[in-house]
Amino acid sequence: MTRAYSEAAVEVLDILDHTVEEKVKLIPQKFINYLKENAAKDYVVKLDYSKPINEMNIKIETKGILGTICRNWWWNQEEKQEYARLVREKEIKHQEESREKYNPDDIFKNRTKTEINEETKEQENVTSMVEYKESIFTKFVNFIKNLFK
């Protein structure tokens, strides 16, 4: 277990010490023992319990472990379904944003040039192809490669 997760285990155990006992009893003792075994021995937790948990200065790894505890042992079926729905919606939104950003049909749309036709004074979008010319250096390197083949 990495150092960050060892410190997160200490934070989770401290938060569970300040949690209602009925909620803590829902967590399997095997999982709590796992956290205790992997907790960093030299890490001291300084959390302000006068604030709500979402305002506390806790590690991202701690939030992940607490989320796992909530999802697996504390939430009822309705809350699990609501969470699954939110995750699906967020994934769909992310996929749509990625599709818009990296759409292969739109890649070349920004490569058009606007020109003004002198006779009609109208703007025309012109897409021009650029001819690739091989440099002298590239020709020389290719010639040397061909000699050795």
Protein backbone atom coordinates (compact mmCIF):
# COMPACT_ATOMS: atom_id res chain seq x y z
CA MET A 1 0.00 0.00 0.00
CA THR A 2 1.36 3.43 -0.89
CA ARG A 3 2.13 6.12 1.65
CA ALA A 4 -0.91 8.18 0.57
CA TYR A 5 -3.27 5.24 1.16
CA SER A 6 -1.61 4.44 4.50
CA GLU A 7 -2.26 8.00 5.62
CA ALA A 8 -5.79 7.84 4.21
CA ALA A 9 -6.41 4.68 6.27
CA VAL A 10 -5.43 6.64 9.40
CA GLU A 11 -7.84 9.44 8.46
CA VAL A 12 -10.68 6.98 7.77
CA LEU A 13 -10.13 5.21 11.10
CA ASP A 14 -10.18 8.58 12.88
CA ILE A 15 -13.39 9.57 11.10
CA LEU A 16 -14.95 6.21 12.01
CA ASP A 17 -13.99 6.84 15.66
CA HIS A 18 -16.12 10.00 15.49
CA THR A 19 -19.02 8.28 13.68
CA VAL A 20 -22.19 6.86 15.19
CA GLU A 21 -21.54 3.33 16.46
CA GLU A 22 -24.51 1.82 14.59
CA LYS A 23 -23.00 2.93 11.28
CA VAL A 24 -19.56 1.58 12.18
CA LYS A 25 -21.05 -1.82 13.08
CA LEU A 26 -22.36 -2.13 9.50
CA ILE A 27 -18.78 -2.24 8.20
CA PRO A 28 -17.24 -5.74 8.26
CA GLN A 29 -14.59 -6.17 10.94
CA LYS A 30 -12.28 -7.67 8.31
CA PHE A 31 -12.26 -4.35 6.41
CA ILE A 32 -11.59 -2.34 9.58
CA ASN A 33 -8.73 -4.71 10.47
CA TYR A 34 -7.34 -4.25 6.96
CA LEU A 35 -7.34 -0.48 7.48
CA LYS A 36 -5.66 -0.86 10.88
CA GLU A 37 -2.96 -3.14 9.48
CA ASN A 38 -2.15 -0.76 6.63
CA ALA A 39 -2.44 2.51 8.57
CA ALA A 40 0.68 4.66 8.77
CA LYS A 41 2.11 4.47 12.29
CA ASP A 42 3.75 7.91 12.23
CA TYR A 43 0.91 9.94 10.67
CA VAL A 44 -1.04 12.22 13.01
CA VAL A 45 -4.54 13.26 11.99
CA LYS A 46 -5.69 16.81 12.69
CA LEU A 47 -9.28 17.07 11.48
CA ASP A 48 -11.74 19.74 12.57
CA TYR A 49 -14.96 17.89 13.42
CA SER A 50 -16.89 21.12 13.89
CA LYS A 51 -17.09 21.28 10.06
CA PRO A 52 -19.09 19.00 7.78
CA ILE A 53 -17.03 16.23 6.20
CA ASN A 54 -17.11 17.80 2.73
CA GLU A 55 -15.43 20.92 4.15
CA MET A 56 -12.71 19.01 6.01
CA ASN A 57 -9.19 19.00 4.67
CA ILE A 58 -8.95 15.26 3.91
CA LYS A 59 -6.99 13.42 1.25
CA ILE A 60 -8.54 12.35 -2.04
CA GLU A 61 -7.71 8.75 -1.13
CA THR A 62 -9.67 9.17 2.13
CA LYS A 63 -12.68 10.39 0.17
CA GLY A 64 -12.41 7.33 -2.05
CA ILE A 65 -12.30 4.92 0.89
CA LEU A 66 -15.23 6.68 2.57
CA GLY A 67 -17.16 6.54 -0.71
CA THR A 68 -16.55 2.81 -0.89
CA ILE A 69 -17.79 2.39 2.68
CA CYS A 70 -20.92 4.41 1.94
CA ARG A 71 -21.69 2.59 -1.29
CA ASN A 72 -21.06 -0.92 0.02
CA TRP A 73 -22.38 -0.82 3.57
CA TRP A 74 -24.25 2.37 4.47
CA TRP A 75 -26.48 3.16 1.50
CA ASN A 76 -29.82 1.52 0.90
CA GLN A 77 -30.86 0.22 -2.51
CA GLU A 78 -32.45 3.52 -3.60
CA GLU A 79 -29.29 5.50 -2.82
CA LYS A 80 -27.18 2.98 -4.72
CA GLN A 81 -29.45 3.28 -7.75
CA GLU A 82 -29.33 7.09 -7.58
CA TYR A 83 -25.52 6.96 -7.41
CA ALA A 84 -25.38 4.60 -10.41
CA ARG A 85 -27.67 6.95 -12.36
CA LEU A 86 -25.45 9.95 -11.56
CA VAL A 87 -22.34 8.05 -12.63
CA ARG A 88 -23.99 7.04 -15.93
CA GLU A 89 -25.10 10.63 -16.62
CA LYS A 90 -21.63 11.96 -15.89
CA GLU A 91 -20.05 9.34 -18.15
CA ILE A 92 -22.45 10.17 -21.00
CA LYS A 93 -21.71 13.88 -20.60
CA HIS A 94 -17.97 13.18 -20.64
CA GLN A 95 -18.31 11.02 -23.78
CA GLU A 96 -20.29 13.77 -25.55
CA GLU A 97 -17.70 16.40 -24.64
CA SER A 98 -14.92 14.15 -25.91
CA ARG A 99 -16.84 13.45 -29.12
CA GLU A 100 -17.31 17.19 -29.73
CA LYS A 101 -13.70 17.96 -28.96
CA TYR A 102 -12.16 15.16 -31.03
CA ASN A 103 -14.77 14.68 -33.76
CA PRO A 104 -12.92 13.47 -36.87
CA ASP A 105 -15.45 15.20 -39.13
CA ASP A 106 -14.61 18.59 -37.64
CA ILE A 107 -10.83 18.30 -37.63
CA PHE A 108 -10.33 20.08 -40.95
CA LYS A 109 -13.10 22.67 -40.65
CA ASN A 110 -10.75 25.27 -39.19
CA ARG A 111 -8.29 24.88 -42.05
CA THR A 112 -10.29 26.92 -44.55
CA LYS A 113 -9.10 30.30 -45.70
CA THR A 114 -11.38 33.26 -46.30
CA GLU A 115 -10.68 35.29 -49.41
CA ILE A 116 -12.48 38.29 -50.84
CA ASN A 117 -13.39 38.05 -54.48
CA GLU A 118 -12.34 41.37 -56.06
CA GLU A 119 -15.04 41.33 -58.73
CA THR A 120 -18.04 40.58 -56.51
CA LYS A 121 -16.67 41.87 -53.19
CA GLU A 122 -17.96 38.75 -51.48
CA GLN A 123 -16.13 36.51 -49.12
CA GLU A 124 -15.34 33.00 -50.27
CA ASN A 125 -14.08 30.13 -48.16
CA VAL A 126 -11.24 28.47 -50.00
CA THR A 127 -9.59 25.27 -48.94
CA SER A 128 -6.28 24.84 -50.64
CA MET A 129 -3.98 21.88 -50.79
CA VAL A 130 -0.34 22.51 -50.05
CA GLU A 131 2.15 20.63 -52.16
CA TYR A 132 4.75 18.82 -50.14
CA LYS A 133 8.27 19.44 -51.39
CA GLU A 134 11.06 17.25 -50.18
CA SER A 135 14.01 19.23 -48.85
CA ILE A 136 17.54 18.73 -50.14
CA PHE A 137 18.62 17.29 -46.80
CA THR A 138 15.79 14.74 -46.87
CA LYS A 139 16.67 13.78 -50.43
CA PHE A 140 20.30 13.28 -49.41
CA VAL A 141 19.35 11.13 -46.38
CA ASN A 142 17.02 9.00 -48.51
CA PHE A 143 19.76 8.58 -51.14
CA ILE A 144 22.20 7.34 -48.46
CA LYS A 145 19.57 4.95 -47.06
CA ASN A 146 18.96 3.54 -50.54
CA LEU A 147 22.68 2.93 -51.00
CA PHE A 148 22.88 0.80 -47.88
CA LYS A 149 19.80 -1.21 -48.76
